Protein backbone atom coordinates (compact mmCIF):
# COMPACT_ATOMS: atom_id res chain seq x y z
CA MET A 1 -1.69 227.14 172.83
CA THR A 2 1.07 225.96 170.52
CA GLY A 3 2.93 222.70 171.05
CA HIS A 4 6.11 224.63 171.78
CA GLU A 5 4.42 226.63 174.55
CA ARG A 6 2.76 223.52 175.95
CA ARG A 7 6.08 221.70 176.17
CA ARG A 8 7.69 224.74 177.76
CA GLN A 9 5.04 224.63 180.51
CA ILE A 10 5.64 220.89 181.01
CA LEU A 11 9.35 221.56 181.54
CA ALA A 12 8.50 224.36 183.96
CA ALA A 13 6.30 221.96 185.96
CA LEU A 14 9.17 219.44 186.06
CA GLU A 15 11.31 221.94 187.95
CA SER A 16 9.27 221.03 191.05
CA GLY A 17 9.77 217.30 190.49
CA ALA A 18 7.65 214.58 188.90
CA VAL A 19 4.60 215.36 186.78
CA ARG A 20 1.53 213.23 186.09
CA VAL A 21 -0.21 212.90 182.73
CA SER A 22 -3.61 213.35 184.39
CA GLU A 23 -2.54 216.61 186.04
CA LEU A 24 -1.04 217.96 182.81
CA THR A 25 -4.18 217.22 180.77
CA GLU A 26 -6.26 219.20 183.26
CA GLN A 27 -3.74 222.03 183.60
CA LEU A 28 -3.14 222.47 179.86
CA GLY A 29 -6.63 221.58 178.61
CA VAL A 30 -5.56 218.95 176.09
CA SER A 31 -6.04 215.22 175.64
CA ASP A 32 -4.13 212.42 177.29
CA MET A 33 -2.73 211.43 173.88
CA THR A 34 -1.42 214.95 173.24
CA ILE A 35 0.41 215.06 176.57
CA ARG A 36 1.94 211.64 176.00
CA ARG A 37 3.14 212.76 172.56
CA ASP A 38 4.68 215.88 174.13
CA LEU A 39 6.47 213.73 176.72
CA GLU A 40 7.86 211.50 173.97
CA ILE A 41 9.23 214.55 172.14
CA LEU A 42 10.80 215.97 175.29
CA GLU A 43 12.29 212.59 176.21
CA SER A 44 13.82 212.25 172.73
CA HIS A 45 15.70 215.51 173.40
CA GLY A 46 16.91 214.27 176.78
CA TRP A 47 14.90 216.80 178.80
CA LEU A 48 12.91 214.30 180.85
CA ARG A 49 12.41 210.58 181.49
CA LYS A 50 9.00 209.02 181.01
CA VAL A 51 7.70 206.78 183.78
CA HIS A 52 4.39 205.01 184.29
CA GLY A 53 1.68 207.68 184.43
CA GLY A 54 3.95 210.69 183.95
CA ALA A 55 7.54 211.86 183.77
CA VAL A 56 10.49 212.85 185.95
CA PRO A 57 13.40 215.20 185.25
CA ALA A 58 16.20 213.73 183.16
CA GLU A 59 18.60 212.09 185.59
CA SER A 60 22.32 212.39 185.88
CA SER A 61 24.38 210.16 188.15
CA THR A 62 24.35 212.92 190.79
CA ASN A 63 20.71 213.97 190.55
CA GLU A 64 18.90 213.21 193.81
CA PRO A 65 15.12 213.70 193.65
CA GLY A 66 13.39 214.74 196.86
CA PHE A 67 11.26 212.32 198.88
CA GLU A 68 7.97 213.97 197.87
CA ALA A 69 8.77 213.78 194.15
CA LYS A 70 9.81 210.13 194.36
CA SER A 71 6.78 209.17 196.44
CA LEU A 72 4.51 210.02 193.48
CA LEU A 73 6.19 207.50 191.19
CA GLU A 74 5.30 203.83 190.59
CA GLN A 75 2.92 203.74 193.54
CA PRO A 76 1.08 200.46 192.71
CA ALA A 77 4.37 198.60 192.22
CA LYS A 78 5.95 200.05 195.35
CA ARG A 79 2.87 199.22 197.40
CA ALA A 80 2.82 195.60 196.18
CA ILE A 81 6.55 195.22 196.91
CA ALA A 82 6.15 196.71 200.39
CA GLU A 83 3.16 194.54 201.26
CA HIS A 84 5.04 191.38 200.31
CA ALA A 85 8.12 192.52 202.25
CA ALA A 86 5.95 192.98 205.35
CA THR A 87 5.12 189.26 205.28
CA LEU A 88 8.83 188.52 205.85
CA VAL A 89 8.95 190.42 209.15
CA GLU A 90 8.81 188.12 212.16
CA PRO A 91 7.73 189.10 215.67
CA HIS A 92 10.55 189.70 218.18
CA SER A 93 13.02 190.45 215.37
CA VAL A 94 15.38 193.37 214.89
CA ILE A 95 14.95 194.83 211.43
CA GLY A 96 16.67 197.64 209.60
CA ILE A 97 14.70 199.87 207.22
CA SER A 98 16.77 202.17 205.04
CA ALA A 99 15.57 205.45 203.59
CA GLY A 100 13.37 205.41 200.49
CA THR A 101 9.77 205.64 199.35
CA THR A 102 9.25 201.87 199.00
CA THR A 103 10.75 201.25 202.43
CA TRP A 104 8.48 203.99 203.80
CA MET A 105 5.52 202.05 202.36
CA LEU A 106 6.87 198.96 204.13
CA ALA A 107 6.84 200.88 207.41
CA ARG A 108 3.22 201.83 206.79
CA SER A 109 2.37 198.17 206.15
CA LEU A 110 3.92 197.27 209.50
CA GLN A 111 1.21 199.26 211.28
CA PHE A 112 -0.75 196.00 211.06
CA HIS A 113 2.08 193.76 212.26
CA PRO A 114 1.44 191.91 215.56
CA GLY A 115 4.89 192.83 216.90
CA PRO A 116 6.82 193.28 219.03
CA LEU A 117 9.62 194.64 216.83
CA THR A 118 12.79 196.62 217.07
CA VAL A 119 13.22 198.86 214.03
CA VAL A 120 16.51 200.56 213.21
CA THR A 121 16.23 203.23 210.53
CA ASN A 122 18.18 206.12 209.03
CA SER A 123 14.99 207.62 207.57
CA SER A 124 13.15 210.44 209.28
CA THR A 125 9.99 209.61 207.30
CA VAL A 126 10.09 205.92 208.29
CA ALA A 127 10.61 206.85 211.94
CA ASN A 128 7.45 208.98 211.86
CA VAL A 129 5.25 205.99 210.97
CA PRO A 130 3.61 204.25 213.96
CA MET A 131 4.44 200.56 213.58
CA ALA A 132 3.32 197.27 215.13
CA ALA A 133 0.27 198.89 216.66
CA ALA A 134 -2.76 197.00 215.37
CA GLY A 135 -1.95 193.69 217.03
CA GLY A 136 -1.06 195.23 220.35
CA GLY A 137 2.66 194.55 220.02
CA ALA A 138 5.03 197.43 220.62
CA ALA A 139 7.71 198.63 218.22
CA THR A 140 10.91 200.16 219.48
CA VAL A 141 12.20 202.55 216.81
CA ILE A 142 15.86 203.53 216.83
CA LEU A 143 16.65 206.55 214.64
CA THR A 144 20.34 206.70 213.80
CA GLY A 145 20.82 210.44 213.58
CA GLY A 146 23.02 212.06 210.96
CA VAL A 147 22.81 214.66 208.19
CA ARG A 148 19.53 214.67 206.23
CA THR A 149 19.65 214.29 202.43
CA PRO A 150 16.93 215.47 199.97
CA SER A 151 15.53 211.93 200.01
CA ALA A 152 15.09 212.07 203.82
CA ALA A 153 18.03 209.75 204.54
CA LEU A 154 20.17 210.41 207.61
CA VAL A 155 23.79 209.82 206.60
CA GLY A 156 27.37 210.58 207.55
CA PRO A 157 29.72 209.66 210.42
CA ILE A 158 27.08 209.91 213.16
CA ALA A 159 24.72 207.55 211.33
CA ASP A 160 27.57 205.19 210.45
CA ARG A 161 28.81 204.96 214.05
CA SER A 162 25.29 204.32 215.36
CA ILE A 163 24.65 201.53 212.87
CA GLY A 164 28.13 200.07 213.40
CA SER A 165 27.32 199.19 217.00
CA LEU A 166 24.11 197.30 216.13
CA HIS A 167 23.24 193.89 214.68
CA LEU A 168 20.18 193.42 212.47
CA ASP A 169 18.31 190.18 211.81
CA ARG A 170 17.07 191.48 208.46
CA LEU A 171 17.68 194.68 206.52
CA PHE A 172 15.10 196.08 204.11
CA LEU A 173 17.08 198.21 201.71
CA GLY A 174 15.82 200.75 199.18
CA VAL A 175 18.03 201.65 196.22
CA HIS A 176 18.27 204.47 193.69
CA GLY A 177 19.43 202.16 190.91
CA MET A 178 20.50 198.60 190.13
CA ASP A 179 22.65 197.58 187.21
CA ALA A 180 24.39 194.37 186.14
CA ARG A 181 27.83 196.05 186.10
CA ALA A 182 27.47 198.93 188.58
CA GLY A 183 25.50 197.00 191.21
CA PHE A 184 23.33 198.94 193.68
CA THR A 185 23.90 202.69 193.53
CA THR A 186 22.87 206.06 194.91
CA PRO A 187 23.62 209.63 193.76
CA ASN A 188 24.77 210.58 197.28
CA LEU A 189 28.31 209.60 198.37
CA ALA A 190 27.53 209.72 202.09
CA GLU A 191 24.37 207.66 201.66
CA ALA A 192 26.36 205.02 199.79
CA GLN A 193 28.67 204.68 202.80
CA THR A 194 25.78 204.52 205.26
CA ASN A 195 24.03 201.87 203.13
CA TYR A 196 27.27 199.90 203.03
CA VAL A 197 27.45 199.94 206.85
CA LEU A 198 23.81 198.81 207.08
CA VAL A 199 24.54 195.88 204.78
CA GLN A 200 27.62 194.87 206.78
CA HIS A 201 25.60 194.69 210.01
CA ALA A 202 22.66 192.64 208.74
CA ARG A 203 22.34 188.85 208.74
CA GLN A 204 20.03 189.02 205.72
CA VAL A 205 19.63 191.78 203.11
CA VAL A 206 16.27 192.22 201.38
CA VAL A 207 16.35 194.80 198.56
CA LEU A 208 13.08 196.51 197.61
CA ALA A 209 13.33 197.93 194.08
CA ASP A 210 10.62 198.56 191.51
CA SER A 211 11.36 197.73 187.87
CA THR A 212 12.21 201.33 186.90
CA LYS A 213 15.36 201.07 189.03
CA TRP A 214 16.88 198.58 186.58
CA ALA A 215 19.72 200.06 184.45
CA THR A 216 19.68 203.25 186.54
CA VAL A 217 23.18 204.11 187.76
CA GLY A 218 23.90 206.66 190.49
CA LEU A 219 27.23 208.25 191.29
CA SER A 220 28.33 205.80 193.97
CA ASP A 221 27.81 202.07 194.45
CA PHE A 222 27.52 200.33 197.81
CA GLY A 223 27.57 196.72 196.72
CA ALA A 224 27.28 194.25 193.88
CA LEU A 225 23.88 192.77 193.08
CA SER A 226 25.03 189.61 194.89
CA ILE A 227 24.75 191.33 198.29
CA ALA A 228 20.97 190.86 198.04
CA ASP A 229 19.89 187.66 199.74
CA VAL A 230 16.40 188.52 198.51
CA LEU A 231 15.31 191.07 195.92
CA ILE A 232 11.63 192.00 195.58
CA THR A 233 10.56 193.78 192.39
CA ASP A 234 7.48 194.05 190.16
CA ASP A 235 6.30 192.26 187.03
CA GLN A 236 7.17 195.11 184.66
CA LEU A 237 10.82 194.07 184.80
CA THR A 238 11.99 192.80 181.41
CA ALA A 239 12.75 189.12 180.87
CA GLU A 240 16.41 189.96 180.26
CA ALA A 241 16.64 191.90 183.52
CA GLN A 242 14.96 189.01 185.35
CA ARG A 243 17.62 186.64 183.99
CA HIS A 244 20.43 188.93 185.11
CA LEU A 245 19.01 189.36 188.59
CA GLY A 246 18.04 185.71 188.92
CA ASP A 247 21.65 184.74 188.29
CA LEU A 248 23.13 187.20 190.78
CA VAL A 249 20.83 187.57 193.80
CA GLY A 250 20.00 184.86 196.30
CA GLU A 251 16.26 184.87 195.60
CA LEU A 252 14.30 187.02 193.15
CA ILE A 253 10.67 187.64 194.09
CA ILE A 254 8.42 189.21 191.47
CA VAL A 255 5.11 190.69 192.61
CA SER A 256 2.19 191.84 190.50
CA SER A 257 1.63 195.57 190.70
CA ALA A 258 -2.06 194.80 190.10
CA GLY A 259 -2.17 192.49 193.12
CA GLY A 260 -2.01 188.72 193.28
CA LEU A 261 0.54 186.10 194.23
CA ALA A 262 4.28 186.68 194.10
CA GLU A 263 6.57 184.52 192.00
CA SER A 264 9.86 183.39 193.49
CA VAL A 265 12.85 182.76 191.22
CA LEU A 266 15.75 180.99 192.95
CA SER A 267 19.19 181.61 191.48
């Protein structure tokens, strides 16, 4: 198989979402190094974006990957972020969990929370996770309703009105991108509005964002970086990005994607 044909097949696989290097080596019968070289070539032409362990389709500000595609990306980092976030959840509290794959991992971590909890979410995938069960405490889950996006977020006027009548002790917020100038963004206009309403009705905002979200800018913003009272990310974030975030968010917590203690950076 020629390199041109191999790269054509990689692009064809990307039409279904993210691809993994390990899967491509098996599918195409070539070495890991060959696939990585192919990905570098395709990225240089703007046809894809390399991520840890694979690649995703080249993003525009309006591109909205589906939940399944996003759930394959940056799993160790997302898991570490979610597990640390779970330690911030107190029994008898009312928490909001926005849509997203990292927030979904947080919901899974809360299966071991002693409870009781009240969970407000605009994510159909989060709502499907049984929470606060292991310790015997019950979790009351309030699903906002609304129109479902490709990323499994429920958005729009129905969601906004539901959230607008509630008051959250702490909001755990997933984001599509974070940027020093653009702030927190999403490719979906309606989701931006729903996220904005969630933020307005929370006493504390905790943003969960792995390092690949830095310098990613979606179509619509829903707040400056300063809206984050706490931001939890992973240790692959560059030193420059850490300085930017440390200056703008209330508290920056950096977790190791390989496990271990988290580092807190107060701004």
